[in-house]
């Protein structure tokens, strides 16, 4: 993902037509901030929609970067998800849009990410976390 902002509190990524904010929970959870305190402990989970025809390219890109695929799941609703971990230990899922309440025709309602979305820098950081 393209980094479009970085500070002490968060990193901001371009994600399709939107943005993804990743906060440092130690800082975002502090009381007395201008916005409500928030954060989590333990591993979290984030899912990105991915086209089924892109999964082989995702596998190749992740392997090339040394990122382990933790699991792959075939869904009753159709499609397959690939799971791996980010540098903080959170689960990252590349998921078919079919699991979010629609068939393959529902893909047009979602921003789907392709393998080119992750830069080699991002993948190198994930790989170093998995070592």
Protein backbone atom coordinates (compact mmCIF):
# COMPACT_ATOMS: atom_id res chain seq x y z
CA UNK A 1 0.00 0.00 0.00
CA UNK A 2 1.18 3.53 -0.70
CA UNK A 3 2.06 5.49 2.45
CA UNK A 4 0.42 8.93 2.20
CA UNK A 5 1.01 10.10 5.76
CA UNK A 6 3.12 9.18 8.76
CA UNK A 7 3.33 10.56 12.28
CA UNK A 8 3.93 9.55 15.89
CA UNK A 9 0.34 8.36 16.23
CA UNK A 10 -0.39 6.63 12.93
CA UNK A 11 0.55 5.66 9.41
CA UNK A 12 -1.93 6.45 6.63
CA UNK A 13 -2.09 4.25 3.52
CA UNK A 14 -3.91 4.78 0.21
CA UNK A 15 -6.21 1.81 -0.27
CA UNK A 16 -8.10 1.86 -3.55
CA UNK A 17 -10.42 4.86 -3.43
CA UNK A 18 -10.08 5.20 0.34
CA UNK A 19 -7.52 5.25 3.11
CA UNK A 20 -6.43 2.85 5.84
CA UNK A 21 -5.26 4.29 9.18
CA UNK A 22 -3.00 2.17 11.37
CA UNK A 23 -2.67 3.61 14.88
CA UNK A 24 -0.12 2.98 17.61
CA UNK A 25 -2.54 1.69 20.28
CA UNK A 26 -0.25 2.81 23.12
CA UNK A 27 -0.69 6.40 21.95
CA UNK A 28 -4.24 6.30 20.57
CA UNK A 29 -5.46 4.72 23.83
CA UNK A 30 -4.12 7.51 26.06
CA UNK A 31 -6.80 9.46 27.95
CA UNK A 32 -7.31 13.19 27.44
CA UNK A 33 -6.85 13.26 23.67
CA UNK A 34 -8.85 15.58 21.37
CA UNK A 35 -10.69 12.55 19.97
CA UNK A 36 -12.05 9.57 21.94
CA UNK A 37 -9.31 7.22 23.10
CA UNK A 38 -9.22 3.95 21.19
CA UNK A 39 -6.98 0.96 20.69
CA UNK A 40 -6.75 -2.75 21.15
CA UNK A 41 -4.50 -5.35 22.63
CA UNK A 42 -3.71 -8.69 21.11
CA UNK A 43 -3.87 -9.59 17.46
CA UNK A 44 -6.45 -7.88 15.30
CA UNK A 45 -7.84 -8.76 11.89
CA UNK A 46 -8.22 -6.77 8.69
CA UNK A 47 -9.63 -8.01 5.39
CA UNK A 48 -9.15 -6.66 1.89
CA UNK A 49 -11.27 -7.77 -1.04
CA UNK A 50 -9.24 -9.62 -3.66
CA UNK A 51 -10.27 -11.04 -7.01
CA UNK A 52 -10.06 -14.84 -7.18
CA UNK A 53 -8.02 -14.57 -10.38
CA UNK A 54 -5.38 -12.51 -8.49
CA UNK A 55 -4.72 -15.04 -5.71
CA UNK A 56 -1.90 -16.85 -7.56
CA UNK A 57 -0.13 -13.53 -8.11
CA UNK A 58 -0.63 -12.68 -4.40
CA UNK A 59 0.87 -16.04 -3.38
CA UNK A 60 3.88 -15.48 -5.62
CA UNK A 61 4.44 -11.93 -4.34
CA UNK A 62 4.14 -12.98 -0.69
CA UNK A 63 6.50 -15.96 -1.16
CA UNK A 64 9.01 -13.82 -3.05
CA UNK A 65 9.04 -11.39 -0.12
CA UNK A 66 9.44 -14.19 2.44
CA UNK A 67 5.97 -13.72 3.93
CA UNK A 68 4.42 -16.95 5.18
CA UNK A 69 0.83 -17.71 4.28
CA UNK A 70 -0.69 -18.89 7.54
CA UNK A 71 -3.85 -20.43 6.12
CA UNK A 72 -6.16 -20.58 3.11
CA UNK A 73 -9.90 -21.08 3.55
CA UNK A 74 -12.53 -22.05 0.96
CA UNK A 75 -15.90 -20.42 1.77
CA UNK A 76 -19.37 -21.93 1.39
CA UNK A 77 -20.42 -18.61 -0.17
CA UNK A 78 -17.76 -19.13 -2.85
CA UNK A 79 -14.18 -18.03 -3.14
CA UNK A 80 -11.06 -18.47 -1.08
CA UNK A 81 -9.27 -16.33 1.51
CA UNK A 82 -5.52 -16.14 2.11
CA UNK A 83 -4.30 -15.22 5.61
CA UNK A 84 -0.90 -13.88 6.70
CA UNK A 85 0.45 -11.67 9.52
CA UNK A 86 1.57 -8.03 9.49
CA UNK A 87 4.65 -6.84 11.44
CA UNK A 88 2.57 -6.30 14.60
CA UNK A 89 1.15 -9.84 14.47
CA UNK A 90 -2.30 -8.87 13.18
CA UNK A 91 -4.03 -11.16 10.73
CA UNK A 92 -4.30 -9.81 7.18
CA UNK A 93 -6.89 -11.50 4.99
CA UNK A 94 -7.24 -11.31 1.24
CA UNK A 95 -10.89 -12.24 0.84
CA UNK A 96 -13.36 -12.76 -2.00
CA UNK A 97 -16.23 -10.25 -1.97
CA UNK A 98 -18.64 -13.22 -2.02
CA UNK A 99 -18.28 -13.62 1.75
CA UNK A 100 -19.68 -10.12 2.36
CA UNK A 101 -23.21 -10.89 1.29
CA UNK A 102 -23.22 -11.38 -2.44
CA UNK A 103 -22.07 -13.42 -5.35
CA UNK A 104 -19.25 -12.54 -7.67
CA UNK A 105 -21.45 -9.77 -9.11
CA UNK A 106 -21.15 -7.92 -5.78
CA UNK A 107 -17.46 -7.27 -6.51
CA UNK A 108 -18.33 -3.94 -8.11
CA UNK A 109 -19.57 -2.63 -4.72
CA UNK A 110 -16.18 -3.18 -3.08
CA UNK A 111 -12.72 -1.76 -3.60
CA UNK A 112 -10.59 -4.76 -4.46
CA UNK A 113 -6.83 -4.79 -3.96
CA UNK A 114 -4.43 -6.36 -6.40
CA UNK A 115 -0.97 -7.78 -5.75
CA UNK A 116 0.67 -4.53 -6.89
CA UNK A 117 -0.97 -2.77 -3.90
CA UNK A 118 1.74 -3.92 -1.48
CA UNK A 119 5.12 -2.34 -2.06
CA UNK A 120 8.30 -4.32 -1.62
CA UNK A 121 9.05 -2.15 1.43
CA UNK A 122 5.78 -3.21 3.10
CA UNK A 123 6.40 -6.87 2.29
CA UNK A 124 10.00 -6.69 3.54
CA UNK A 125 8.71 -5.36 6.89
CA UNK A 126 6.17 -8.18 7.08
CA UNK A 127 8.84 -10.76 6.21
CA UNK A 128 11.22 -9.44 8.89
CA UNK A 129 8.42 -9.78 11.48
CA UNK A 130 7.89 -13.42 10.45
CA UNK A 131 11.57 -14.37 10.96
